[in-house]
N, C-alpha and C. Protein backbone atom coordinates (compact mmCIF):
# COMPACT_ATOMS: atom_id res chain seq x y z
N MET A 1 -36.85 24.38 0.51
CA MET A 1 -37.73 23.15 0.69
C MET A 1 -36.41 21.85 1.05
N VAL A 2 -36.02 21.65 1.86
CA VAL A 2 -35.63 19.91 1.32
C VAL A 2 -36.25 18.80 1.55
N ASP A 3 -34.69 17.86 0.75
CA ASP A 3 -35.70 16.71 0.05
C ASP A 3 -35.24 16.28 0.20
N ARG A 4 -35.47 15.25 1.57
CA ARG A 4 -35.30 14.15 2.68
C ARG A 4 -35.45 13.00 1.76
N LEU A 5 -35.39 12.85 0.72
CA LEU A 5 -35.31 11.50 -0.69
C LEU A 5 -34.32 11.11 -0.80
N SER A 6 -33.41 11.91 -0.95
CA SER A 6 -32.59 12.16 -2.26
C SER A 6 -31.11 11.80 -1.37
N PRO A 7 -30.86 10.77 -1.20
CA PRO A 7 -29.37 10.11 -0.54
C PRO A 7 -28.14 11.79 -0.37
N THR A 8 -27.56 11.51 0.69
CA THR A 8 -26.90 12.68 0.91
C THR A 8 -25.14 12.02 -0.02
N PRO A 9 -24.56 12.76 -0.95
CA PRO A 9 -23.62 11.48 -1.51
C PRO A 9 -22.73 11.41 0.00
N VAL A 10 -21.84 10.32 -0.42
CA VAL A 10 -20.68 10.49 0.21
C VAL A 10 -19.03 10.57 0.31
N GLN A 11 -18.51 10.71 0.75
CA GLN A 11 -17.44 11.63 0.24
C GLN A 11 -16.12 10.77 0.40
N GLU A 12 -15.93 9.22 -0.68
CA GLU A 12 -14.64 8.78 -0.33
C GLU A 12 -13.65 9.29 0.41
N GLN A 13 -12.75 8.80 1.11
CA GLN A 13 -11.39 8.87 2.37
C GLN A 13 -10.71 9.49 0.85
N SER A 14 -9.41 10.11 1.52
CA SER A 14 -8.36 9.67 -0.17
C SER A 14 -8.07 8.77 0.14
N ILE A 15 -7.18 7.71 -0.33
CA ILE A 15 -6.51 6.78 -0.26
C ILE A 15 -4.70 7.67 -0.50
N GLU A 16 -3.97 6.88 0.48
CA GLU A 16 -2.62 7.21 0.68
C GLU A 16 -2.48 5.79 1.27
N VAL A 17 -0.27 6.01 0.35
CA VAL A 17 0.44 5.52 1.46
C VAL A 17 2.12 5.83 1.13
N THR A 18 2.21 5.60 2.74
CA THR A 18 3.55 5.79 2.97
C THR A 18 5.17 4.84 3.43
N VAL A 19 6.08 4.93 3.07
CA VAL A 19 6.77 3.74 3.37
C VAL A 19 8.21 4.66 3.74
N GLU A 20 8.70 4.12 5.24
CA GLU A 20 9.77 5.36 6.07
C GLU A 20 10.61 4.24 6.02
N PRO A 21 12.11 3.76 5.46
CA PRO A 21 12.22 5.09 5.41
C PRO A 21 12.00 4.45 3.53
N ASP A 22 11.90 5.43 3.04
CA ASP A 22 11.71 5.66 1.18
C ASP A 22 12.81 4.68 0.33
N ALA A 23 13.65 4.22 0.84
CA ALA A 23 14.57 3.25 0.61
C ALA A 23 15.69 2.83 1.09
N GLY A 24 15.75 1.11 0.46
CA GLY A 24 16.66 0.33 1.59
C GLY A 24 17.46 -0.38 0.49
N PRO A 25 18.65 -1.21 1.57
CA PRO A 25 18.90 -2.50 0.62
C PRO A 25 18.06 -3.86 1.07
N LEU A 26 17.73 -4.77 0.28
CA LEU A 26 17.58 -5.91 0.25
C LEU A 26 16.98 -6.90 2.09
N GLU A 27 15.73 -6.90 2.26
CA GLU A 27 16.04 -8.03 3.72
C GLU A 27 15.90 -6.62 5.00
N ALA A 28 15.32 -5.24 4.64
CA ALA A 28 15.56 -4.41 5.31
C ALA A 28 14.56 -3.85 5.86
N THR A 29 13.92 -4.30 7.66
CA THR A 29 12.45 -3.55 7.82
C THR A 29 11.93 -2.08 7.44
N VAL A 30 10.94 -2.43 7.00
CA VAL A 30 10.51 -0.14 6.89
C VAL A 30 8.96 -0.50 7.44
N VAL A 31 8.47 0.56 7.52
CA VAL A 31 6.76 0.10 7.74
C VAL A 31 6.19 1.26 6.68
N ALA A 32 5.22 0.59 6.51
CA ALA A 32 4.59 1.00 5.88
C ALA A 32 3.51 1.63 6.44
N SER A 33 2.52 2.52 6.12
CA SER A 33 1.58 3.23 6.66
C SER A 33 -0.05 4.09 5.65
N GLY A 34 -0.67 3.93 6.08
CA GLY A 34 -1.71 3.87 4.94
C GLY A 34 -3.10 4.62 5.14
N GLN A 35 -3.75 5.10 4.34
CA GLN A 35 -5.72 5.24 5.13
C GLN A 35 -6.07 5.42 3.86
N GLY A 36 -7.59 4.97 4.13
CA GLY A 36 -8.31 5.59 3.51
C GLY A 36 -9.09 3.80 2.99
N PHE A 37 -8.84 3.02 3.47
CA PHE A 37 -9.26 1.79 2.66
C PHE A 37 -10.72 1.83 4.61
N ALA A 38 -10.99 0.87 3.23
CA ALA A 38 -12.76 1.02 4.14
C ALA A 38 -12.32 -0.10 5.65
N PRO A 39 -13.25 0.24 6.81
CA PRO A 39 -12.58 -0.23 7.97
C PRO A 39 -12.51 -1.86 8.39
N GLY A 40 -11.59 -2.35 8.72
CA GLY A 40 -11.69 -3.71 8.85
C GLY A 40 -10.95 -4.82 8.11
N GLU A 41 -10.45 -4.02 6.45
CA GLU A 41 -10.39 -4.14 5.58
C GLU A 41 -8.85 -4.98 4.96
N MET A 42 -8.58 -6.24 4.89
CA MET A 42 -7.49 -6.88 4.40
C MET A 42 -6.71 -5.76 3.50
N VAL A 43 -5.22 -5.91 3.70
CA VAL A 43 -4.89 -4.99 3.08
C VAL A 43 -3.46 -5.44 2.61
N ARG A 44 -3.09 -5.80 1.38
CA ARG A 44 -2.25 -6.68 0.96
C ARG A 44 -1.32 -5.40 0.46
N LEU A 45 0.25 -5.31 0.83
CA LEU A 45 1.24 -5.51 0.99
C LEU A 45 2.28 -5.56 -0.37
N PHE A 46 2.75 -4.99 -1.31
CA PHE A 46 3.84 -6.00 -2.46
C PHE A 46 4.93 -4.89 -3.37
N LEU A 47 5.46 -5.74 -3.78
CA LEU A 47 7.08 -4.53 -4.76
C LEU A 47 6.00 -4.97 -5.99
N THR A 48 6.13 -4.18 -7.01
CA THR A 48 5.87 -4.66 -8.84
C THR A 48 7.09 -3.41 -9.20
N GLN A 49 7.78 -3.63 -10.23
CA GLN A 49 8.13 -2.74 -10.85
C GLN A 49 8.18 -2.34 -12.18
N HIS A 50 8.29 -0.64 -12.73
CA HIS A 50 6.72 -0.53 -13.82
C HIS A 50 7.86 -1.72 -15.10
N GLY A 51 6.95 -1.81 -15.75
CA GLY A 51 7.35 -2.91 -16.78
C GLY A 51 7.72 -4.26 -16.62
N SER A 52 7.12 -4.49 -15.87
CA SER A 52 7.53 -5.80 -15.15
C SER A 52 6.37 -6.46 -15.15
N ALA A 53 5.96 -7.64 -14.82
CA ALA A 53 4.78 -8.89 -15.07
C ALA A 53 4.99 -9.24 -13.40
N GLY A 54 5.94 -9.68 -12.94
CA GLY A 54 5.46 -10.02 -11.68
C GLY A 54 5.09 -9.19 -10.73
N GLY A 55 5.96 -9.13 -9.60
CA GLY A 55 5.96 -8.55 -8.14
C GLY A 55 6.53 -9.64 -7.28
N TYR A 56 6.58 -9.02 -5.82
CA TYR A 56 6.62 -9.02 -4.75
C TYR A 56 5.61 -9.61 -2.90
N ASP A 57 4.89 -10.07 -3.04
CA ASP A 57 3.53 -10.68 -2.07
C ASP A 57 4.40 -9.72 -0.98
N MET A 58 4.35 -9.48 0.38
CA MET A 58 4.86 -9.16 1.51
C MET A 58 4.00 -9.08 2.51
N ARG A 59 3.20 -8.65 2.15
CA ARG A 59 2.53 -9.18 3.26
C ARG A 59 0.99 -9.02 3.58
N ASP A 60 0.37 -9.14 4.32
CA ASP A 60 -1.46 -8.53 4.01
C ASP A 60 -1.39 -7.60 5.97
N THR A 61 -2.11 -7.39 5.77
CA THR A 61 -2.51 -6.21 7.50
C THR A 61 -3.93 -6.11 6.92
N ARG A 62 -4.43 -6.01 8.14
CA ARG A 62 -6.13 -5.34 8.16
C ARG A 62 -6.07 -3.68 8.85
N ALA A 63 -6.88 -2.84 7.96
CA ALA A 63 -6.87 -2.27 8.55
C ALA A 63 -7.75 -1.44 10.25
N ALA A 64 -7.51 -0.64 10.44
CA ALA A 64 -8.58 -0.40 12.01
C ALA A 64 -9.56 0.40 11.22
N SER A 65 -10.64 0.59 11.71
CA SER A 65 -12.05 1.17 11.94
C SER A 65 -11.91 2.39 11.25
N ASP A 66 -10.71 2.86 11.44
CA ASP A 66 -11.20 3.90 10.61
C ASP A 66 -10.08 3.95 9.24
N GLY A 67 -10.00 2.71 8.99
CA GLY A 67 -9.41 2.67 7.27
C GLY A 67 -7.96 2.75 7.33
N THR A 68 -7.60 3.05 8.33
CA THR A 68 -6.33 3.22 7.85
C THR A 68 -4.71 2.09 8.69
N PHE A 69 -3.58 1.67 8.19
CA PHE A 69 -2.85 0.64 8.54
C PHE A 69 -1.89 1.22 8.95
N SER A 70 -0.66 0.72 9.82
CA SER A 70 0.60 0.80 9.75
C SER A 70 1.20 -1.29 10.22
N ALA A 71 1.65 -1.27 9.19
CA ALA A 71 2.70 -2.29 9.36
C ALA A 71 3.87 -2.51 8.54
N GLU A 72 4.82 -3.36 9.86
CA GLU A 72 6.17 -3.56 9.39
C GLU A 72 6.34 -4.47 8.33
N VAL A 73 7.39 -4.28 7.02
CA VAL A 73 7.24 -4.72 6.15
C VAL A 73 8.94 -5.56 5.76
N VAL A 74 9.09 -6.72 5.28
CA VAL A 74 10.55 -6.89 4.95
C VAL A 74 10.59 -6.50 3.60
N ILE A 75 11.76 -6.34 2.75
CA ILE A 75 12.43 -6.22 1.31
C ILE A 75 13.00 -7.42 0.93
N PRO A 76 11.91 -8.15 0.84
CA PRO A 76 12.18 -9.83 0.20
C PRO A 76 14.43 -9.75 -0.25
N SER A 77 14.44 -10.96 -0.08
CA SER A 77 16.42 -11.28 0.04
C SER A 77 16.10 -11.47 -2.20
N ASP A 78 15.09 -12.36 -2.58
CA ASP A 78 14.74 -12.85 -3.75
C ASP A 78 14.09 -11.65 -4.61
N ALA A 79 14.22 -10.05 -4.29
CA ALA A 79 14.22 -9.04 -5.61
C ALA A 79 15.68 -8.51 -5.72
N PHE A 80 16.44 -9.14 -5.51
CA PHE A 80 17.77 -8.63 -5.72
C PHE A 80 18.21 -8.43 -7.22
N LEU A 81 17.16 -8.40 -8.51
CA LEU A 81 17.39 -7.51 -9.89
C LEU A 81 17.03 -6.48 -9.74
N TRP A 82 16.30 -5.85 -8.62
CA TRP A 82 16.29 -4.39 -8.88
C TRP A 82 16.81 -3.92 -7.79
N ARG A 83 18.14 -4.73 -7.24
CA ARG A 83 19.02 -3.96 -6.59
C ARG A 83 19.30 -2.45 -6.99
N GLY A 84 19.35 -1.67 -6.93
CA GLY A 84 19.76 -0.39 -7.03
C GLY A 84 18.58 0.33 -8.26
N THR A 85 17.58 -0.39 -7.70
CA THR A 85 16.14 0.81 -9.15
C THR A 85 15.32 1.03 -8.26
N MET A 86 14.15 2.10 -8.92
CA MET A 86 13.53 2.43 -8.25
C MET A 86 12.09 1.50 -8.52
N VAL A 87 11.25 0.86 -7.30
CA VAL A 87 10.00 0.46 -7.33
C VAL A 87 9.35 1.09 -7.09
N ASN A 88 7.81 -0.17 -7.08
CA ASN A 88 6.41 0.77 -6.38
C ASN A 88 6.18 0.47 -5.40
N PHE A 89 5.58 0.54 -4.49
CA PHE A 89 5.92 -0.06 -3.01
C PHE A 89 3.96 0.26 -3.51
N GLU A 90 3.12 -1.16 -3.30
CA GLU A 90 2.29 -0.83 -3.78
C GLU A 90 0.72 -2.10 -2.37
N ALA A 91 0.08 -0.26 -2.03
CA ALA A 91 -1.28 -1.05 -1.03
C ALA A 91 -2.44 -1.32 -1.95
N LEU A 92 -3.13 -2.72 -1.58
CA LEU A 92 -4.71 -2.56 -2.58
C LEU A 92 -5.75 -3.47 -1.19
N GLY A 93 -6.89 -2.55 -1.23
CA GLY A 93 -7.34 -2.75 -0.50
C GLY A 93 -8.04 -4.43 -1.15
N LEU A 94 -7.93 -5.31 -0.12
CA LEU A 94 -8.72 -6.77 -1.23
C LEU A 94 -10.25 -6.96 -1.83
N GLN A 95 -11.24 -5.65 -0.06
CA GLN A 95 -12.38 -5.79 -0.45
C GLN A 95 -12.69 -5.06 -1.85
N SER A 96 -12.15 -3.58 -0.87
CA SER A 96 -12.65 -2.46 -1.39
C SER A 96 -12.16 -2.27 -3.03
N LYS A 97 -10.74 -2.57 -3.17
CA LYS A 97 -9.87 -3.05 -4.77
C LYS A 97 -9.28 -1.69 -4.88
N ARG A 98 -9.28 -0.19 -3.34
CA ARG A 98 -8.63 0.05 -3.74
C ARG A 98 -7.47 0.12 -3.72
N ARG A 99 -6.91 1.06 -4.66
CA ARG A 99 -5.39 0.53 -5.24
C ARG A 99 -4.25 2.02 -5.12
N ILE A 100 -3.00 1.91 -4.05
CA ILE A 100 -2.32 2.98 -4.23
C ILE A 100 -0.94 2.78 -3.80
N GLU A 101 0.33 3.45 -4.59
CA GLU A 101 1.84 3.12 -5.23
C GLU A 101 2.56 4.48 -3.98
N THR A 102 3.83 3.91 -4.02
CA THR A 102 4.53 5.06 -3.46
C THR A 102 6.13 4.63 -4.52
N PRO A 103 6.83 5.32 -4.72
CA PRO A 103 8.25 4.85 -5.29
C PRO A 103 8.98 4.56 -4.03
N PHE A 104 9.56 3.23 -3.91
CA PHE A 104 10.69 2.96 -3.15
C PHE A 104 12.46 2.45 -3.63
N ARG A 105 13.17 3.28 -3.14
CA ARG A 105 14.24 2.57 -4.38
C ARG A 105 14.91 1.22 -3.23
N ILE A 106 15.29 0.54 -4.08
CA ILE A 106 16.18 -0.05 -3.00
C ILE A 106 17.99 -0.66 -3.72
N THR A 107 18.36 -0.28 -2.46
CA THR A 107 19.85 -0.11 -2.60
C THR A 107 20.81 -1.29 -2.92
N GLU A 108 21.92 -0.65 -3.54
CA GLU A 108 22.97 -1.68 -3.52
C GLU A 108 23.31 -2.74 -1.77
């Protein structure tokens, strides 16, 4: 017997973000791509560093109807204190609050 009254669980799509290239100097243009966000959701892209209280908002972009996004982003010139270090490139869904990060190296 099939229980037609119980809702079928909805499986959430895995969330991912990538940055190409995965290293670059200040003011470099990189392409951030991701998936797993809500259709049409605004996604905020920013840099953070482990143990640091602050970060750098780089831009907002809108996820497509399938929850993916791709956007060009410029590494901020005022992140000069992070030159030569590994930072976190993060994507945050502003409505879903889904958040993911990937490493990015700011070169000299």
